[in-house]
Amino acid sequence: METILFSKTDDEAAFEAKKNVLIIGDGGTAKSSTVILFCNKNADQMLIKKTNFSSATTPFLLQMTIEGELVSKGSK
């Protein structure tokens, strides 16, 4: 595994190269804000669904959330 410092210009390079990115950091370091800004900037190239996870989240509940969103988008 490689550790790098991620700058604002690296997000475009990673997206264009179709590379996976793991964002880690202490609480309050704007991880979520960074991802939301990036997704909003590239909304024409991807679908976005915000989901909250907790210790009660199971794979089945996640699948039902995703499928429910797809069904509701498809019926419009």
PDB file of N, CA and C in Angstrom:
ATOM      1  N   MET A   1       0.852  -1.164   0.000  1.00  0.00           N
ATOM      2  CA  MET A   1       0.000   0.000   0.000  1.00  0.00           C
ATOM      3  C   MET A   1       0.900   1.231   0.000  1.00  0.00           C
ATOM      4  N   GLU A   2       0.455   2.233  -0.667  1.00  0.00           N
ATOM      5  CA  GLU A   2       1.217   3.469  -0.801  1.00  0.00           C
ATOM      6  C   GLU A   2       0.474   4.602  -0.102  1.00  0.00           C
ATOM      7  N   THR A   3       1.202   5.432   0.598  1.00  0.00           N
ATOM      8  CA  THR A   3       0.605   6.598   1.259  1.00  0.00           C
ATOM      9  C   THR A   3       1.056   7.847   0.532  1.00  0.00           C
ATOM     10  N   ILE A   4       0.103   8.691   0.156  1.00  0.00           N
ATOM     11  CA  ILE A   4       0.440   9.924  -0.545  1.00  0.00           C
ATOM     12  C   ILE A   4      -0.338  11.086   0.056  1.00  0.00           C
ATOM     13  N   LEU A   5       0.154  12.268  -0.159  1.00  0.00           N
ATOM     14  CA  LEU A   5      -0.575  13.475   0.200  1.00  0.00           C
ATOM     15  C   LEU A   5      -1.440  13.849  -0.993  1.00  0.00           C
ATOM     16  N   PHE A   6      -2.719  13.989  -0.764  1.00  0.00           N
ATOM     17  CA  PHE A   6      -3.682  14.218  -1.841  1.00  0.00           C
ATOM     18  C   PHE A   6      -3.973  15.700  -1.947  1.00  0.00           C
ATOM     19  N   SER A   7      -3.676  16.282  -3.087  1.00  0.00           N
ATOM     20  CA  SER A   7      -3.946  17.709  -3.281  1.00  0.00           C
ATOM     21  C   SER A   7      -5.206  17.882  -4.128  1.00  0.00           C
ATOM     22  N   LYS A   8      -5.666  19.100  -4.231  1.00  0.00           N
ATOM     23  CA  LYS A   8      -6.891  19.364  -4.983  1.00  0.00           C
ATOM     24  C   LYS A   8      -6.751  19.019  -6.459  1.00  0.00           C
ATOM     25  N   THR A   9      -5.553  19.051  -7.015  1.00  0.00           N
ATOM     26  CA  THR A   9      -5.387  18.718  -8.430  1.00  0.00           C
ATOM     27  C   THR A   9      -5.278  17.215  -8.646  1.00  0.00           C
ATOM     28  N   ASP A  10      -4.941  16.458  -7.598  1.00  0.00           N
ATOM     29  CA  ASP A  10      -4.806  15.010  -7.742  1.00  0.00           C
ATOM     30  C   ASP A  10      -6.139  14.322  -7.973  1.00  0.00           C
ATOM     31  N   ASP A  11      -7.234  14.924  -7.513  1.00  0.00           N
ATOM     32  CA  ASP A  11      -8.527  14.268  -7.664  1.00  0.00           C
ATOM     33  C   ASP A  11      -8.887  14.075  -9.131  1.00  0.00           C
ATOM     34  N   GLU A  12      -8.610  15.046  -9.964  1.00  0.00           N
ATOM     35  CA  GLU A  12      -8.905  14.922 -11.401  1.00  0.00           C
ATOM     36  C   GLU A  12      -8.037  13.848 -12.042  1.00  0.00           C
ATOM     37  N   ALA A  13      -6.761  13.802 -11.693  1.00  0.00           N
ATOM     38  CA  ALA A  13      -5.864  12.806 -12.273  1.00  0.00           C
ATOM     39  C   ALA A  13      -6.304  11.395 -11.882  1.00  0.00           C
ATOM     40  N   ALA A  14      -6.685  11.202 -10.625  1.00  0.00           N
ATOM     41  CA  ALA A  14      -7.139   9.886 -10.167  1.00  0.00           C
ATOM     42  C   ALA A  14      -8.437   9.499 -10.861  1.00  0.00           C
ATOM     43  N   PHE A  15      -9.336  10.448 -11.036  1.00  0.00           N
ATOM     44  CA  PHE A  15     -10.621  10.176 -11.690  1.00  0.00           C
ATOM     45  C   PHE A  15     -10.403   9.794 -13.147  1.00  0.00           C
ATOM     46  N   GLU A  16      -9.576  10.540 -13.840  1.00  0.00           N
ATOM     47  CA  GLU A  16      -9.330  10.267 -15.256  1.00  0.00           C
ATOM     48  C   GLU A  16      -8.593   8.941 -15.448  1.00  0.00           C
ATOM     49  N   ALA A  17      -7.715   8.568 -14.508  1.00  0.00           N
ATOM     50  CA  ALA A  17      -6.975   7.321 -14.605  1.00  0.00           C
ATOM     51  C   ALA A  17      -7.784   6.142 -14.073  1.00  0.00           C
ATOM     52  N   LYS A  18      -8.993   6.413 -13.561  1.00  0.00           N
ATOM     53  CA  LYS A  18      -9.864   5.391 -12.986  1.00  0.00           C
ATOM     54  C   LYS A  18      -9.159   4.630 -11.862  1.00  0.00           C
ATOM     55  N   LYS A  19      -8.512   5.372 -10.982  1.00  0.00           N
ATOM     56  CA  LYS A  19      -7.810   4.806  -9.829  1.00  0.00           C
ATOM     57  C   LYS A  19      -8.691   4.906  -8.592  1.00  0.00           C
ATOM     58  N   ASN A  20      -8.568   3.926  -7.712  1.00  0.00           N
ATOM     59  CA  ASN A  20      -9.269   3.975  -6.435  1.00  0.00           C
ATOM     60  C   ASN A  20      -8.546   4.916  -5.498  1.00  0.00           C
ATOM     61  N   VAL A  21      -9.320   5.612  -4.670  1.00  0.00           N
ATOM     62  CA  VAL A  21      -8.752   6.550  -3.710  1.00  0.00           C
ATOM     63  C   VAL A  21      -9.382   6.284  -2.352  1.00  0.00           C
ATOM     64  N   LEU A  22      -8.551   6.160  -1.320  1.00  0.00           N
ATOM     65  CA  LEU A  22      -9.017   6.009   0.049  1.00  0.00           C
ATOM     66  C   LEU A  22      -8.622   7.269   0.797  1.00  0.00           C
ATOM     67  N   ILE A  23      -9.609   7.977   1.319  1.00  0.00           N
ATOM     68  CA  ILE A  23      -9.344   9.223   2.032  1.00  0.00           C
ATOM     69  C   ILE A  23      -9.471   8.938   3.525  1.00  0.00           C
ATOM     70  N   ILE A  24      -8.393   9.165   4.253  1.00  0.00           N
ATOM     71  CA  ILE A  24      -8.393   8.929   5.697  1.00  0.00           C
ATOM     72  C   ILE A  24      -7.929  10.191   6.409  1.00  0.00           C
ATOM     73  N   GLY A  25      -8.299  10.313   7.656  1.00  0.00           N
ATOM     74  CA  GLY A  25      -7.863  11.460   8.438  1.00  0.00           C
ATOM     75  C   GLY A  25      -8.662  11.557   9.720  1.00  0.00           C
ATOM     76  N   ASP A  26      -8.204  12.393  10.596  1.00  0.00           N
ATOM     77  CA  ASP A  26      -8.890  12.618  11.857  1.00  0.00           C
ATOM     78  C   ASP A  26     -10.238  13.267  11.616  1.00  0.00           C
ATOM     79  N   GLY A  27     -11.089  13.208  12.621  1.00  0.00           N
ATOM     80  CA  GLY A  27     -12.385  13.864  12.541  1.00  0.00           C
ATOM     81  C   GLY A  27     -12.218  15.359  12.331  1.00  0.00           C
ATOM     82  N   GLY A  28     -13.050  15.926  11.482  1.00  0.00           N
ATOM     83  CA  GLY A  28     -13.009  17.361  11.243  1.00  0.00           C
ATOM     84  C   GLY A  28     -11.969  17.816  10.242  1.00  0.00           C
ATOM     85  N   THR A  29     -11.440  16.894   9.436  1.00  0.00           N
ATOM     86  CA  THR A  29     -10.428  17.282   8.441  1.00  0.00           C
ATOM     87  C   THR A  29     -11.010  17.407   7.034  1.00  0.00           C
ATOM     88  N   ALA A  30     -12.321  17.528   6.925  1.00  0.00           N
ATOM     89  CA  ALA A  30     -13.031  17.808   5.668  1.00  0.00           C
ATOM     90  C   ALA A  30     -12.966  16.677   4.656  1.00  0.00           C
ATOM     91  N   LYS A  31     -12.918  15.429   5.122  1.00  0.00           N
ATOM     92  CA  LYS A  31     -12.941  14.292   4.195  1.00  0.00           C
ATOM     93  C   LYS A  31     -14.261  14.259   3.422  1.00  0.00           C
ATOM     94  N   SER A  32     -15.374  14.317   4.143  1.00  0.00           N
ATOM     95  CA  SER A  32     -16.684  14.261   3.486  1.00  0.00           C
ATOM     96  C   SER A  32     -16.890  15.463   2.571  1.00  0.00           C
ATOM     97  N   SER A  33     -16.501  16.624   3.033  1.00  0.00           N
ATOM     98  CA  SER A  33     -16.661  17.838   2.215  1.00  0.00           C
ATOM     99  C   SER A  33     -15.858  17.741   0.927  1.00  0.00           C
ATOM    100  N   THR A  34     -14.664  17.193   1.004  1.00  0.00           N
ATOM    101  CA  THR A  34     -13.820  17.035  -0.181  1.00  0.00           C
ATOM    102  C   THR A  34     -14.485  16.114  -1.195  1.00  0.00           C
ATOM    103  N   VAL A  35     -15.033  15.001  -0.728  1.00  0.00           N
ATOM    104  CA  VAL A  35     -15.685  14.048  -1.624  1.00  0.00           C
ATOM    105  C   VAL A  35     -16.944  14.655  -2.231  1.00  0.00           C
ATOM    106  N   ILE A  36     -17.740  15.351  -1.423  1.00  0.00           N
ATOM    107  CA  ILE A  36     -18.970  15.976  -1.933  1.00  0.00           C
ATOM    108  C   ILE A  36     -18.652  17.028  -2.981  1.00  0.00           C
ATOM    109  N   LEU A  37     -17.647  17.864  -2.733  1.00  0.00           N
ATOM    110  CA  LEU A  37     -17.260  18.873  -3.721  1.00  0.00           C
ATOM    111  C   LEU A  37     -16.796  18.226  -5.019  1.00  0.00           C
ATOM    112  N   PHE A  38     -15.997  17.163  -4.906  1.00  0.00           N
ATOM    113  CA  PHE A  38     -15.515  16.464  -6.095  1.00  0.00           C
ATOM    114  C   PHE A  38     -16.682  15.870  -6.879  1.00  0.00           C
ATOM    115  N   CYS A  39     -17.608  15.218  -6.175  1.00  0.00           N
ATOM    116  CA  CYS A  39     -18.749  14.598  -6.857  1.00  0.00           C
ATOM    117  C   CYS A  39     -19.637  15.641  -7.520  1.00  0.00           C
ATOM    118  N   ASN A  40     -19.862  16.746  -6.857  1.00  0.00           N
ATOM    119  CA  ASN A  40     -20.680  17.806  -7.458  1.00  0.00           C
ATOM    120  C   ASN A  40     -20.014  18.386  -8.694  1.00  0.00           C
ATOM    121  N   LYS A  41     -18.689  18.476  -8.671  1.00  0.00           N
ATOM    122  CA  LYS A  41     -17.951  19.008  -9.812  1.00  0.00           C
ATOM    123  C   LYS A  41     -18.006  18.055 -11.015  1.00  0.00           C
ATOM    124  N   ASN A  42     -18.147  16.754 -10.754  1.00  0.00           N
ATOM    125  CA  ASN A  42     -18.161  15.751 -11.819  1.00  0.00           C
ATOM    126  C   ASN A  42     -19.516  15.054 -11.936  1.00  0.00           C
ATOM    127  N   ALA A  43     -20.585  15.722 -11.551  1.00  0.00           N
ATOM    128  CA  ALA A  43     -21.916  15.120 -11.517  1.00  0.00           C
ATOM    129  C   ALA A  43     -22.408  14.685 -12.891  1.00  0.00           C
ATOM    130  N   ASP A  44     -21.895  15.288 -13.950  1.00  0.00           N
ATOM    131  CA  ASP A  44     -22.326  14.893 -15.293  1.00  0.00           C
ATOM    132  C   ASP A  44     -21.713  13.564 -15.726  1.00  0.00           C
ATOM    133  N   GLN A  45     -20.731  13.046 -14.969  1.00  0.00           N
ATOM    134  CA  GLN A  45     -20.040  11.817 -15.342  1.00  0.00           C
ATOM    135  C   GLN A  45     -20.321  10.661 -14.387  1.00  0.00           C
ATOM    136  N   MET A  46     -21.111  10.886 -13.341  1.00  0.00           N
ATOM    137  CA  MET A  46     -21.367   9.828 -12.361  1.00  0.00           C
ATOM    138  C   MET A  46     -22.706  10.034 -11.690  1.00  0.00           C
ATOM    139  N   LEU A  47     -23.217   8.954 -11.129  1.00  0.00           N
ATOM    140  CA  LEU A  47     -24.423   9.021 -10.315  1.00  0.00           C
ATOM    141  C   LEU A  47     -23.994   9.082  -8.857  1.00  0.00           C
ATOM    142  N   ILE A  48     -24.691   9.864  -8.060  1.00  0.00           N
ATOM    143  CA  ILE A  48     -24.307  10.067  -6.673  1.00  0.00           C
ATOM    144  C   ILE A  48     -25.482   9.731  -5.770  1.00  0.00           C
ATOM    145  N   LYS A  49     -25.230   8.933  -4.741  1.00  0.00           N
ATOM    146  CA  LYS A  49     -26.229   8.633  -3.720  1.00  0.00           C
ATOM    147  C   LYS A  49     -25.522   8.666  -2.369  1.00  0.00           C
ATOM    148  N   LYS A  50     -25.935   9.578  -1.504  1.00  0.00           N
ATOM    149  CA  LYS A  50     -25.366   9.674  -0.163  1.00  0.00           C
ATOM    150  C   LYS A  50     -26.093   8.697   0.743  1.00  0.00           C
ATOM    151  N   THR A  51     -25.344   7.911   1.495  1.00  0.00           N
ATOM    152  CA  THR A  51     -25.908   6.919   2.399  1.00  0.00           C
ATOM    153  C   THR A  51     -25.159   6.959   3.713  1.00  0.00           C
ATOM    154  N   ASN A  52     -25.894   6.903   4.805  1.00  0.00           N
ATOM    155  CA  ASN A  52     -25.268   6.848   6.125  1.00  0.00           C
ATOM    156  C   ASN A  52     -25.065   5.398   6.533  1.00  0.00           C
ATOM    157  N   PHE A  53     -23.920   5.107   7.111  1.00  0.00           N
ATOM    158  CA  PHE A  53     -23.612   3.778   7.608  1.00  0.00           C
ATOM    159  C   PHE A  53     -23.516   3.825   9.124  1.00  0.00           C
ATOM    160  N   SER A  54     -23.869   2.717   9.750  1.00  0.00           N
ATOM    161  CA  SER A  54     -23.718   2.590  11.192  1.00  0.00           C
ATOM    162  C   SER A  54     -23.368   1.137  11.502  1.00  0.00           C
ATOM    163  N   SER A  55     -23.241   0.838  12.768  1.00  0.00           N
ATOM    164  CA  SER A  55     -22.952  -0.542  13.150  1.00  0.00           C
ATOM    165  C   SER A  55     -24.112  -1.474  12.826  1.00  0.00           C
ATOM    166  N   ALA A  56     -25.303  -0.915  12.619  1.00  0.00           N
ATOM    167  CA  ALA A  56     -26.479  -1.716  12.277  1.00  0.00           C
ATOM    168  C   ALA A  56     -26.618  -1.953  10.773  1.00  0.00           C
ATOM    169  N   THR A  57     -25.794  -1.324   9.964  1.00  0.00           N
ATOM    170  CA  THR A  57     -25.878  -1.485   8.514  1.00  0.00           C
ATOM    171  C   THR A  57     -25.384  -2.870   8.123  1.00  0.00           C
ATOM    172  N   THR A  58     -26.210  -3.582   7.392  1.00  0.00           N
ATOM    173  CA  THR A  58     -25.834  -4.914   6.907  1.00  0.00           C
ATOM    174  C   THR A  58     -25.714  -4.862   5.385  1.00  0.00           C
ATOM    175  N   PRO A  59     -25.046  -5.844   4.803  1.00  0.00           N
ATOM    176  CA  PRO A  59     -24.993  -5.870   3.333  1.00  0.00           C
ATOM    177  C   PRO A  59     -26.380  -5.876   2.699  1.00  0.00           C
ATOM    178  N   PHE A  60     -27.333  -6.583   3.323  1.00  0.00           N
ATOM    179  CA  PHE A  60     -28.693  -6.630   2.788  1.00  0.00           C
ATOM    180  C   PHE A  60     -29.345  -5.250   2.809  1.00  0.00           C
ATOM    181  N   LEU A  61     -29.198  -4.505   3.909  1.00  0.00           N
ATOM    182  CA  LEU A  61     -29.778  -3.165   3.987  1.00  0.00           C
ATOM    183  C   LEU A  61     -29.160  -2.229   2.956  1.00  0.00           C
ATOM    184  N   LEU A  62     -27.850  -2.336   2.746  1.00  0.00           N
ATOM    185  CA  LEU A  62     -27.188  -1.521   1.726  1.00  0.00           C
ATOM    186  C   LEU A  62     -27.723  -1.870   0.340  1.00  0.00           C
ATOM    187  N   GLN A  63     -27.855  -3.162   0.064  1.00  0.00           N
ATOM    188  CA  GLN A  63     -28.389  -3.588  -1.227  1.00  0.00           C
ATOM    189  C   GLN A  63     -29.812  -3.077  -1.427  1.00  0.00           C
ATOM    190  N   MET A  64     -30.639  -3.152  -0.396  1.00  0.00           N
ATOM    191  CA  MET A  64     -32.019  -2.685  -0.506  1.00  0.00           C
ATOM    192  C   MET A  64     -32.062  -1.171  -0.746  1.00  0.00           C
ATOM    193  N   THR A  65     -31.158  -0.427  -0.111  1.00  0.00           N
ATOM    194  CA  THR A  65     -31.087   1.020  -0.320  1.00  0.00           C
ATOM    195  C   THR A  65     -30.738   1.337  -1.762  1.00  0.00           C
ATOM    196  N   ILE A  66     -29.739   0.661  -2.297  1.00  0.00           N
ATOM    197  CA  ILE A  66     -29.313   0.902  -3.677  1.00  0.00           C
ATOM    198  C   ILE A  66     -30.412   0.497  -4.657  1.00  0.00           C
ATOM    199  N   GLU A  67     -30.986  -0.700  -4.461  1.00  0.00           N
ATOM    200  CA  GLU A  67     -32.042  -1.158  -5.369  1.00  0.00           C
ATOM    201  C   GLU A  67     -33.270  -0.259  -5.292  1.00  0.00           C
ATOM    202  N   GLY A  68     -33.619   0.195  -4.105  1.00  0.00           N
ATOM    203  CA  GLY A  68     -34.757   1.093  -3.955  1.00  0.00           C
ATOM    204  C   GLY A  68     -34.553   2.393  -4.705  1.00  0.00           C
ATOM    205  N   GLU A  69     -33.350   2.910  -4.663  1.00  0.00           N
ATOM    206  CA  GLU A  69     -33.047   4.146  -5.383  1.00  0.00           C
ATOM    207  C   GLU A  69     -33.112   3.923  -6.894  1.00  0.00           C
ATOM    208  N   LEU A  70     -32.628   2.789  -7.361  1.00  0.00           N
ATOM    209  CA  LEU A  70     -32.669   2.489  -8.796  1.00  0.00           C
ATOM    210  C   LEU A  70     -34.102   2.324  -9.279  1.00  0.00           C
ATOM    211  N   VAL A  71     -34.938   1.668  -8.476  1.00  0.00           N
ATOM    212  CA  VAL A  71     -36.337   1.471  -8.854  1.00  0.00           C
ATOM    213  C   VAL A  71     -37.052   2.822  -8.906  1.00  0.00           C
ATOM    214  N   SER A  72     -36.811   3.684  -7.903  1.00  0.00           N
ATOM    215  CA  SER A  72     -37.493   4.965  -7.899  1.00  0.00           C
ATOM    216  C   SER A  72     -37.019   5.872  -9.043  1.00  0.00           C
ATOM    217  N   LYS A  73     -35.730   5.799  -9.414  1.00  0.00           N
ATOM    218  CA  LYS A  73     -35.226   6.577 -10.553  1.00  0.00           C
ATOM    219  C   LYS A  73     -35.770   6.033 -11.867  1.00  0.00           C
ATOM    220  N   GLY A  74     -35.920   4.700 -11.963  1.00  0.00           N
ATOM    221  CA  GLY A  74     -36.388   4.082 -13.198  1.00  0.00           C
ATOM    222  C   GLY A  74     -37.861   4.299 -13.465  1.00  0.00           C
ATOM    223  N   SER A  75     -38.643   4.520 -12.405  1.00  0.00           N
ATOM    224  CA  SER A  75     -40.079   4.683 -12.594  1.00  0.00           C
ATOM    225  C   SER A  75     -40.486   6.118 -12.892  1.00  0.00           C
ATOM    226  N   LYS A  76     -39.533   7.048 -12.864  1.00  0.00           N
ATOM    227  CA  LYS A  76     -39.846   8.456 -13.150  1.00  0.00           C
ATOM    228  C   LYS A  76     -39.912   8.729 -14.625  1.00  0.00           C
TER     229      LYS A  76
END
